[in-house]
C-alpha atoms as a PDB file:
ATOM      1  CA  UNK A   1     -61.718   5.702  48.950  1.00  0.00           C
ATOM      2  CA  UNK A   2     -58.703   7.973  49.402  1.00  0.00           C
ATOM      3  CA  UNK A   3     -59.361  10.375  46.643  1.00  0.00           C
ATOM      4  CA  UNK A   4     -62.706  10.952  48.040  1.00  0.00           C
ATOM      5  CA  UNK A   5     -61.389  12.042  51.324  1.00  0.00           C
ATOM      6  CA  UNK A   6     -58.529  14.255  50.107  1.00  0.00           C
ATOM      7  CA  UNK A   7     -55.714  11.616  50.718  1.00  0.00           C
ATOM      8  CA  UNK A   8     -54.839  10.568  47.177  1.00  0.00           C
ATOM      9  CA  UNK A   9     -54.098   6.858  46.253  1.00  0.00           C
ATOM     10  CA  UNK A  10     -51.483   6.896  43.591  1.00  0.00           C
ATOM     11  CA  UNK A  11     -50.846   3.487  42.797  1.00  0.00           C
ATOM     12  CA  UNK A  12     -51.402   4.071  39.151  1.00  0.00           C
ATOM     13  CA  UNK A  13     -48.246   5.947  38.647  1.00  0.00           C
ATOM     14  CA  UNK A  14     -46.008   3.106  38.993  1.00  0.00           C
ATOM     15  CA  UNK A  15     -48.034   1.001  36.412  1.00  0.00           C
ATOM     16  CA  UNK A  16     -48.377   3.719  33.905  1.00  0.00           C
ATOM     17  CA  UNK A  17     -44.582   4.503  34.080  1.00  0.00           C
ATOM     18  CA  UNK A  18     -44.005   0.809  33.622  1.00  0.00           C
ATOM     19  CA  UNK A  19     -46.288   0.710  30.595  1.00  0.00           C
ATOM     20  CA  UNK A  20     -44.558   3.468  29.100  1.00  0.00           C
ATOM     21  CA  UNK A  21     -41.234   1.721  29.755  1.00  0.00           C
ATOM     22  CA  UNK A  22     -39.762   4.643  31.693  1.00  0.00           C
ATOM     23  CA  UNK A  23     -37.467   4.366  34.632  1.00  0.00           C
ATOM     24  CA  UNK A  24     -37.883   6.445  37.627  1.00  0.00           C
ATOM     25  CA  UNK A  25     -34.893   8.436  36.518  1.00  0.00           C
ATOM     26  CA  UNK A  26     -36.604   9.177  33.205  1.00  0.00           C
ATOM     27  CA  UNK A  27     -39.714  10.395  34.760  1.00  0.00           C
ATOM     28  CA  UNK A  28     -37.740  12.628  37.063  1.00  0.00           C
ATOM     29  CA  UNK A  29     -35.979  14.022  34.205  1.00  0.00           C
ATOM     30  CA  UNK A  30     -38.827  14.731  31.920  1.00  0.00           C
ATOM     31  CA  UNK A  31     -40.889  16.400  34.899  1.00  0.00           C
ATOM     32  CA  UNK A  32     -38.254  18.156  36.797  1.00  0.00           C
ATOM     33  CA  UNK A  33     -38.521  16.359  40.144  1.00  0.00           C
ATOM     34  CA  UNK A  34     -36.160  14.104  42.021  1.00  0.00           C
ATOM     35  CA  UNK A  35     -36.215  10.357  41.732  1.00  0.00           C
ATOM     36  CA  UNK A  36     -36.912  10.255  45.520  1.00  0.00           C
ATOM     37  CA  UNK A  37     -39.909  12.482  45.013  1.00  0.00           C
ATOM     38  CA  UNK A  38     -41.322  10.301  42.276  1.00  0.00           C
ATOM     39  CA  UNK A  39     -40.634   7.317  44.292  1.00  0.00           C
ATOM     40  CA  UNK A  40     -42.495   8.631  47.274  1.00  0.00           C
ATOM     41  CA  UNK A  41     -45.583   9.415  45.265  1.00  0.00           C
ATOM     42  CA  UNK A  42     -45.557   5.908  43.740  1.00  0.00           C
ATOM     43  CA  UNK A  43     -45.463   4.337  47.167  1.00  0.00           C
ATOM     44  CA  UNK A  44     -48.190   6.697  48.431  1.00  0.00           C
ATOM     45  CA  UNK A  45     -45.912   8.179  51.108  1.00  0.00           C
ATOM     46  CA  UNK A  46     -46.245  11.710  49.823  1.00  0.00           C
ATOM     47  CA  UNK A  47     -49.006  13.877  48.275  1.00  0.00           C
ATOM     48  CA  UNK A  48     -48.376  15.841  45.049  1.00  0.00           C
ATOM     49  CA  UNK A  49     -49.169  19.395  44.376  1.00  0.00           C
ATOM     50  CA  UNK A  50     -51.650  19.902  41.639  1.00  0.00           C
ATOM     51  CA  UNK A  51     -48.730  21.220  39.376  1.00  0.00           C
ATOM     52  CA  UNK A  52     -46.734  17.893  39.968  1.00  0.00           C
ATOM     53  CA  UNK A  53     -49.895  15.830  39.314  1.00  0.00           C
ATOM     54  CA  UNK A  54     -50.395  17.645  35.869  1.00  0.00           C
ATOM     55  CA  UNK A  55     -46.556  17.452  34.874  1.00  0.00           C
ATOM     56  CA  UNK A  56     -46.599  13.582  35.812  1.00  0.00           C
ATOM     57  CA  UNK A  57     -49.845  12.903  33.916  1.00  0.00           C
ATOM     58  CA  UNK A  58     -48.475  14.763  30.916  1.00  0.00           C
ATOM     59  CA  UNK A  59     -45.408  12.877  31.010  1.00  0.00           C
ATOM     60  CA  UNK A  60     -47.149   9.517  31.153  1.00  0.00           C
ATOM     61  CA  UNK A  61     -49.730  10.518  28.574  1.00  0.00           C
ATOM     62  CA  UNK A  62     -52.664  10.144  30.852  1.00  0.00           C
ATOM     63  CA  UNK A  63     -55.161  12.353  32.774  1.00  0.00           C
ATOM     64  CA  UNK A  64     -54.453  13.346  36.212  1.00  0.00           C
ATOM     65  CA  UNK A  65     -58.022  12.075  37.001  1.00  0.00           C
ATOM     66  CA  UNK A  66     -56.889   8.535  35.881  1.00  0.00           C
ATOM     67  CA  UNK A  67     -53.954   8.756  38.189  1.00  0.00           C
ATOM     68  CA  UNK A  68     -55.934   9.535  41.325  1.00  0.00           C
ATOM     69  CA  UNK A  69     -58.881   7.245  40.694  1.00  0.00           C
ATOM     70  CA  UNK A  70     -56.719   4.198  41.084  1.00  0.00           C
ATOM     71  CA  UNK A  71     -58.080   2.812  44.203  1.00  0.00           C
ATOM     72  CA  UNK A  72     -61.590   3.174  42.999  1.00  0.00           C
ATOM     73  CA  UNK A  73     -60.946   1.282  39.839  1.00  0.00           C
ATOM     74  CA  UNK A  74     -59.086  -1.666  41.944  1.00  0.00           C
ATOM     75  CA  UNK A  75     -62.145  -1.761  44.013  1.00  0.00           C
ATOM     76  CA  UNK A  76     -64.584  -1.934  41.200  1.00  0.00           C
ATOM     77  CA  UNK A  77     -62.594  -4.891  39.654  1.00  0.00           C
ATOM     78  CA  UNK A  78     -62.778  -6.793  42.833  1.00  0.00           C
ATOM     79  CA  UNK A  79     -65.026  -9.840  43.549  1.00  0.00           C
ATOM     80  CA  UNK A  80     -67.129  -7.712  46.120  1.00  0.00           C
ATOM     81  CA  UNK A  81     -70.762  -8.022  45.405  1.00  0.00           C
ATOM     82  CA  UNK A  82     -72.012  -4.758  46.929  1.00  0.00           C
ATOM     83  CA  UNK A  83     -74.008  -2.368  44.771  1.00  0.00           C
ATOM     84  CA  UNK A  84     -71.649   0.485  44.662  1.00  0.00           C
ATOM     85  CA  UNK A  85     -68.814  -1.651  43.114  1.00  0.00           C
ATOM     86  CA  UNK A  86     -71.195  -3.298  40.421  1.00  0.00           C
ATOM     87  CA  UNK A  87     -72.523  -0.016  39.409  1.00  0.00           C
ATOM     88  CA  UNK A  88     -69.489   0.941  37.663  1.00  0.00           C
ATOM     89  CA  UNK A  89     -70.017  -2.175  35.293  1.00  0.00           C
ATOM     90  CA  UNK A  90     -73.631  -1.501  34.268  1.00  0.00           C
ATOM     91  CA  UNK A  91     -75.829   0.371  32.022  1.00  0.00           C
ATOM     92  CA  UNK A  92     -77.567   2.335  34.823  1.00  0.00           C
ATOM     93  CA  UNK A  93     -75.741   4.050  37.855  1.00  0.00           C
ATOM     94  CA  UNK A  94     -78.183   5.109  40.532  1.00  0.00           C
ATOM     95  CA  UNK A  95     -77.775   8.474  42.203  1.00  0.00           C
ATOM     96  CA  UNK A  96     -76.556   7.002  45.475  1.00  0.00           C
ATOM     97  CA  UNK A  97     -73.882   5.196  43.562  1.00  0.00           C
ATOM     98  CA  UNK A  98     -72.306   8.447  41.812  1.00  0.00           C
ATOM     99  CA  UNK A  99     -68.597   8.442  42.395  1.00  0.00           C
ATOM    100  CA  UNK A 100     -67.198  11.490  44.306  1.00  0.00           C
ATOM    101  CA  UNK A 101     -63.914  12.875  43.249  1.00  0.00           C
ATOM    102  CA  UNK A 102     -61.476  15.423  44.675  1.00  0.00           C
ATOM    103  CA  UNK A 103     -58.443  17.252  42.785  1.00  0.00           C
ATOM    104  CA  UNK A 104     -55.856  18.557  45.031  1.00  0.00           C
ATOM    105  CA  UNK A 105     -55.755  22.458  45.593  1.00  0.00           C
ATOM    106  CA  UNK A 106     -59.084  22.652  43.725  1.00  0.00           C
ATOM    107  CA  UNK A 107     -62.205  23.429  45.889  1.00  0.00           C
ATOM    108  CA  UNK A 108     -64.672  22.092  43.335  1.00  0.00           C
ATOM    109  CA  UNK A 109     -67.117  19.170  43.788  1.00  0.00           C
ATOM    110  CA  UNK A 110     -67.034  16.553  41.255  1.00  0.00           C
ATOM    111  CA  UNK A 111     -69.358  13.535  40.997  1.00  0.00           C
ATOM    112  CA  UNK A 112     -69.040  10.928  38.221  1.00  0.00           C
ATOM    113  CA  UNK A 113     -72.247   9.459  37.108  1.00  0.00           C
ATOM    114  CA  UNK A 114     -71.173   7.150  34.082  1.00  0.00           C
ATOM    115  CA  UNK A 115     -69.885   3.486  34.475  1.00  0.00           C
ATOM    116  CA  UNK A 116     -66.284   2.780  33.740  1.00  0.00           C
ATOM    117  CA  UNK A 117     -67.498  -0.547  32.005  1.00  0.00           C
ATOM    118  CA  UNK A 118     -70.619  -2.129  30.522  1.00  0.00           C
ATOM    119  CA  UNK A 119     -72.158  -5.573  30.852  1.00  0.00           C
ATOM    120  CA  UNK A 120     -69.951  -7.911  28.778  1.00  0.00           C
ATOM    121  CA  UNK A 121     -66.694  -6.431  29.734  1.00  0.00           C
ATOM    122  CA  UNK A 122     -67.043  -3.331  27.140  1.00  0.00           C
ATOM    123  CA  UNK A 123     -65.226  -0.296  28.003  1.00  0.00           C
ATOM    124  CA  UNK A 124     -67.373   2.977  28.295  1.00  0.00           C
ATOM    125  CA  UNK A 125     -66.367   5.547  25.687  1.00  0.00           C
ATOM    126  CA  UNK A 126     -67.336   8.845  27.644  1.00  0.00           C
ATOM    127  CA  UNK A 127     -67.132  10.327  31.236  1.00  0.00           C
ATOM    128  CA  UNK A 128     -70.067  12.535  32.669  1.00  0.00           C
ATOM    129  CA  UNK A 129     -69.666  14.560  35.706  1.00  0.00           C
ATOM    130  CA  UNK A 130     -71.895  16.790  37.771  1.00  0.00           C
ATOM    131  CA  UNK A 131     -69.886  19.776  38.872  1.00  0.00           C
ATOM    132  CA  UNK A 132     -70.699  22.255  41.601  1.00  0.00           C
ATOM    133  CA  UNK A 133     -68.684  25.413  41.533  1.00  0.00           C
ATOM    134  CA  UNK A 134     -68.880  28.028  44.380  1.00  0.00           C
ATOM    135  CA  UNK A 135     -69.476  31.678  43.787  1.00  0.00           C
ATOM    136  CA  UNK A 136     -66.393  33.631  42.681  1.00  0.00           C
ATOM    137  CA  UNK A 137     -64.479  30.389  42.063  1.00  0.00           C
ATOM    138  CA  UNK A 138     -62.596  29.257  38.771  1.00  0.00           C
ATOM    139  CA  UNK A 139     -63.026  25.619  37.826  1.00  0.00           C
ATOM    140  CA  UNK A 140     -59.255  25.118  37.891  1.00  0.00           C
ATOM    141  CA  UNK A 141     -56.087  26.989  38.949  1.00  0.00           C
ATOM    142  CA  UNK A 142     -55.033  28.199  35.387  1.00  0.00           C
ATOM    143  CA  UNK A 143     -55.861  27.752  31.693  1.00  0.00           C
ATOM    144  CA  UNK A 144     -55.725  24.217  30.770  1.00  0.00           C
ATOM    145  CA  UNK A 145     -56.178  21.923  27.813  1.00  0.00           C
ATOM    146  CA  UNK A 146     -56.974  18.336  27.155  1.00  0.00           C
ATOM    147  CA  UNK A 147     -54.491  16.521  25.114  1.00  0.00           C
ATOM    148  CA  UNK A 148     -56.646  13.658  23.709  1.00  0.00           C
ATOM    149  CA  UNK A 149     -60.350  14.313  24.493  1.00  0.00           C
ATOM    150  CA  UNK A 150     -62.914  16.874  24.026  1.00  0.00           C
ATOM    151  CA  UNK A 151     -65.144  18.376  26.400  1.00  0.00           C
ATOM    152  CA  UNK A 152     -68.704  19.508  26.455  1.00  0.00           C
ATOM    153  CA  UNK A 153     -70.418  21.503  29.074  1.00  0.00           C
ATOM    154  CA  UNK A 154     -74.261  22.509  29.776  1.00  0.00           C
ATOM    155  CA  UNK A 155     -74.981  24.934  32.620  1.00  0.00           C
ATOM    156  CA  UNK A 156     -77.742  23.907  34.722  1.00  0.00           C
ATOM    157  CA  UNK A 157     -77.491  26.841  37.212  1.00  0.00           C
ATOM    158  CA  UNK A 158     -75.564  30.059  37.609  1.00  0.00           C
ATOM    159  CA  UNK A 159     -73.589  32.093  35.161  1.00  0.00           C
ATOM    160  CA  UNK A 160     -70.146  31.482  34.005  1.00  0.00           C
ATOM    161  CA  UNK A 161     -67.344  33.501  32.288  1.00  0.00           C
ATOM    162  CA  UNK A 162     -65.862  30.982  29.789  1.00  0.00           C
ATOM    163  CA  UNK A 163     -62.158  31.772  28.603  1.00  0.00           C
ATOM    164  CA  UNK A 164     -61.114  29.813  25.501  1.00  0.00           C
ATOM    165  CA  UNK A 165     -57.684  30.748  24.363  1.00  0.00           C
ATOM    166  CA  UNK A 166     -58.119  34.563  23.734  1.00  0.00           C
ATOM    167  CA  UNK A 167     -61.810  34.607  23.564  1.00  0.00           C
ATOM    168  CA  UNK A 168     -64.188  35.256  26.468  1.00  0.00           C
ATOM    169  CA  UNK A 169     -68.011  34.286  26.511  1.00  0.00           C
ATOM    170  CA  UNK A 170     -70.794  35.006  29.035  1.00  0.00           C
ATOM    171  CA  UNK A 171     -72.597  31.547  29.629  1.00  0.00           C
ATOM    172  CA  UNK A 172     -76.140  31.760  31.220  1.00  0.00           C
ATOM    173  CA  UNK A 173     -78.261  29.037  32.535  1.00  0.00           C
ATOM    174  CA  UNK A 174     -79.360  26.800  30.078  1.00  0.00           C
ATOM    175  CA  UNK A 175     -76.371  27.590  27.610  1.00  0.00           C
ATOM    176  CA  UNK A 176     -73.751  25.063  26.641  1.00  0.00           C
ATOM    177  CA  UNK A 177     -70.272  24.974  25.186  1.00  0.00           C
ATOM    178  CA  UNK A 178     -67.676  22.790  23.634  1.00  0.00           C
ATOM    179  CA  UNK A 179     -64.151  22.757  24.216  1.00  0.00           C
ATOM    180  CA  UNK A 180     -62.079  20.892  21.588  1.00  0.00           C
ATOM    181  CA  UNK A 181     -59.085  18.826  22.614  1.00  0.00           C
ATOM    182  CA  UNK A 182     -55.766  20.887  22.821  1.00  0.00           C
ATOM    183  CA  UNK A 183     -57.811  24.077  23.556  1.00  0.00           C
ATOM    184  CA  UNK A 184     -56.710  26.391  26.441  1.00  0.00           C
ATOM    185  CA  UNK A 185     -59.950  27.112  28.603  1.00  0.00           C
ATOM    186  CA  UNK A 186     -61.114  27.847  32.171  1.00  0.00           C
ATOM    187  CA  UNK A 187     -64.213  29.255  33.531  1.00  0.00           C
ATOM    188  CA  UNK A 188     -65.534  31.356  36.326  1.00  0.00           C
ATOM    189  CA  UNK A 189     -68.688  31.351  38.277  1.00  0.00           C
ATOM    190  CA  UNK A 190     -69.885  34.981  38.097  1.00  0.00           C
ATOM    191  CA  UNK A 191     -73.008  34.337  39.983  1.00  0.00           C
ATOM    192  CA  UNK A 192     -73.741  34.896  43.788  1.00  0.00           C
ATOM    193  CA  UNK A 193     -74.981  31.121  43.815  1.00  0.00           C
ATOM    194  CA  UNK A 194     -73.410  27.801  43.355  1.00  0.00           C
ATOM    195  CA  UNK A 195     -73.155  27.077  39.742  1.00  0.00           C
ATOM    196  CA  UNK A 196     -73.980  23.601  38.567  1.00  0.00           C
ATOM    197  CA  UNK A 197     -72.971  22.039  35.280  1.00  0.00           C
ATOM    198  CA  UNK A 198     -73.131  18.805  33.505  1.00  0.00           C
ATOM    199  CA  UNK A 199     -69.688  17.986  31.921  1.00  0.00           C
ATOM    200  CA  UNK A 200     -68.866  15.344  29.306  1.00  0.00           C
ATOM    201  CA  UNK A 201     -65.647  14.147  28.466  1.00  0.00           C
ATOM    202  CA  UNK A 202     -65.254  12.202  25.080  1.00  0.00           C
ATOM    203  CA  UNK A 203     -63.048   9.346  26.399  1.00  0.00           C
ATOM    204  CA  UNK A 204     -62.981   7.281  29.753  1.00  0.00           C
ATOM    205  CA  UNK A 205     -60.813   9.376  32.014  1.00  0.00           C
ATOM    206  CA  UNK A 206     -60.832   7.298  35.349  1.00  0.00           C
END
């Protein structure tokens, strides 16, 4: 899928825009970008910067992850019988079927290990990721907050410096922390080895 290889598939921008009842002009005015630029993104003829992706997601009241995982979602809803697609609709997701995810301009490896839906068509209510963070790297490019979901992180390996609003914490292997929605946060890998985290979001984000 494109979001794994670095070439994002953004077919969800148009559907999210229409669901909100916005025109291209309205999205352009709300985000500060041109109508032509938004149109190119919707048709997958241009790749957005991370700043643009965040602005558009905020405008459409969805997560940037949801926008870039559109192709995977379409594959999962298809009639293909392969194991990787069906894994997104089961109680169990095998290690080999974890879903790689890349966010533009962030050199961090994410791997989703929770399904998007359950047998019987029920929608999953949380998202779990394994995150591999290189030494000396921040998890994201600036302090961010999640508008409508909480985040919980357990540090499996390494040492982090956690910034939450104006507070700074040292997080060691085996420690965990909780980030409520609308709380500015970011964290840095302080150790000389790769940091490995288990991250849970309190809603489905893909």
